[in-house]
Amino acid sequence: MSSILAACIWVFCATFTAFLPMRRQYVPGVTLLILAPLLIIWLGVDLGWGWAIAGVLGFVSMFRNPLRYFYARARGQAPELPK
């Protein structure tokens, strides 16, 4: 499977996950959060690191709230979860 096809599948999965109610987004969202850096590295190897940097910027933009949550947890804080 090419990296472009894998990226397209990831995008469709992310879109489907966004349509789920918030309480059902956690498991697929965390899975997508874990897979994204691996996919970005794969895209960088196949297409060049400029595209990988663009992917990292998109990743950080899309997952800014979960990344803030995990950053706060790593610093020892107890951030609030949405209801």
Protein backbone atom coordinates (compact mmCIF):
# COMPACT_ATOMS: atom_id res chain seq x y z
CA MET A 1 0.00 0.00 0.00
CA SER A 2 1.38 3.38 -0.91
CA SER A 3 1.73 6.15 1.61
CA ILE A 4 -0.75 8.33 -0.31
CA LEU A 5 -3.43 5.63 -0.13
CA ALA A 6 -2.77 5.12 3.58
CA ALA A 7 -3.09 8.89 4.13
CA CYS A 8 -6.40 8.95 2.24
CA ILE A 9 -7.73 6.09 4.37
CA TRP A 10 -6.59 7.93 7.52
CA VAL A 11 -8.44 11.08 6.36
CA PHE A 12 -11.67 9.15 5.74
CA CYS A 13 -11.39 7.48 9.16
CA ALA A 14 -10.79 10.87 10.80
CA THR A 15 -13.83 12.31 9.01
CA PHE A 16 -16.00 9.40 10.12
CA THR A 17 -14.75 9.79 13.69
CA ALA A 18 -15.65 13.49 13.66
CA PHE A 19 -19.27 12.57 12.90
CA LEU A 20 -19.51 10.39 16.01
CA PRO A 21 -20.90 11.75 19.27
CA MET A 22 -18.15 13.11 21.53
CA ARG A 23 -18.30 10.24 24.00
CA ARG A 24 -17.70 7.74 21.18
CA GLN A 25 -14.78 9.64 19.63
CA TYR A 26 -12.17 8.76 22.24
CA VAL A 27 -11.07 5.28 21.14
CA PRO A 28 -10.89 5.95 17.39
CA GLY A 29 -9.51 9.44 18.05
CA VAL A 30 -6.65 8.15 20.19
CA THR A 31 -5.94 5.47 17.59
CA LEU A 32 -5.74 8.12 14.86
CA LEU A 33 -3.62 10.29 17.16
CA ILE A 34 -1.11 7.45 17.59
CA LEU A 35 -1.05 6.49 13.89
CA ALA A 36 -0.64 10.04 12.55
CA PRO A 37 3.08 10.52 13.39
CA LEU A 38 3.90 7.15 11.85
CA LEU A 39 2.00 8.07 8.70
CA ILE A 40 3.67 11.49 8.54
CA ILE A 41 7.11 9.87 8.79
CA TRP A 42 6.15 7.41 6.03
CA LEU A 43 4.96 10.29 3.83
CA GLY A 44 8.21 12.13 4.54
CA VAL A 45 10.30 9.17 3.48
CA ASP A 46 8.29 8.61 0.30
CA LEU A 47 7.55 12.19 -0.80
CA GLY A 48 10.12 14.38 0.93
CA TRP A 49 10.47 16.11 4.25
CA GLY A 50 8.75 19.30 3.08
CA TRP A 51 5.51 17.33 2.86
CA ALA A 52 6.22 15.81 6.26
CA ILE A 53 6.55 19.28 7.78
CA ALA A 54 3.23 20.26 6.19
CA GLY A 55 1.74 17.09 7.67
CA VAL A 56 3.09 17.90 11.13
CA LEU A 57 1.59 21.39 10.97
CA GLY A 58 -1.78 19.94 9.95
CA PHE A 59 -1.55 17.28 12.66
CA VAL A 60 -0.82 19.81 15.40
CA SER A 61 -3.64 22.03 14.16
CA MET A 62 -6.19 19.20 14.05
CA PHE A 63 -5.24 17.59 17.37
CA ARG A 64 -4.43 20.74 19.34
CA ASN A 65 -6.92 20.03 22.15
CA PRO A 66 -5.87 16.40 22.78
CA LEU A 67 -2.21 17.46 22.60
CA ARG A 68 -2.86 20.22 25.16
CA TYR A 69 -4.56 17.67 27.40
CA PHE A 70 -1.66 15.19 27.22
CA TYR A 71 0.85 18.03 27.72
CA ALA A 72 -1.01 19.18 30.85
CA ARG A 73 -1.15 15.60 32.16
CA ALA A 74 2.58 15.20 31.55
CA ARG A 75 3.19 18.36 33.63
CA GLY A 76 1.18 16.90 36.51
CA GLN A 77 -1.96 18.97 36.10
CA ALA A 78 -5.53 17.57 36.06
CA PRO A 79 -7.23 19.17 33.02
CA GLU A 80 -11.00 19.07 32.66
CA LEU A 81 -12.58 16.72 30.09
CA PRO A 82 -15.54 17.88 28.02
CA LYS A 83 -18.91 16.40 28.91
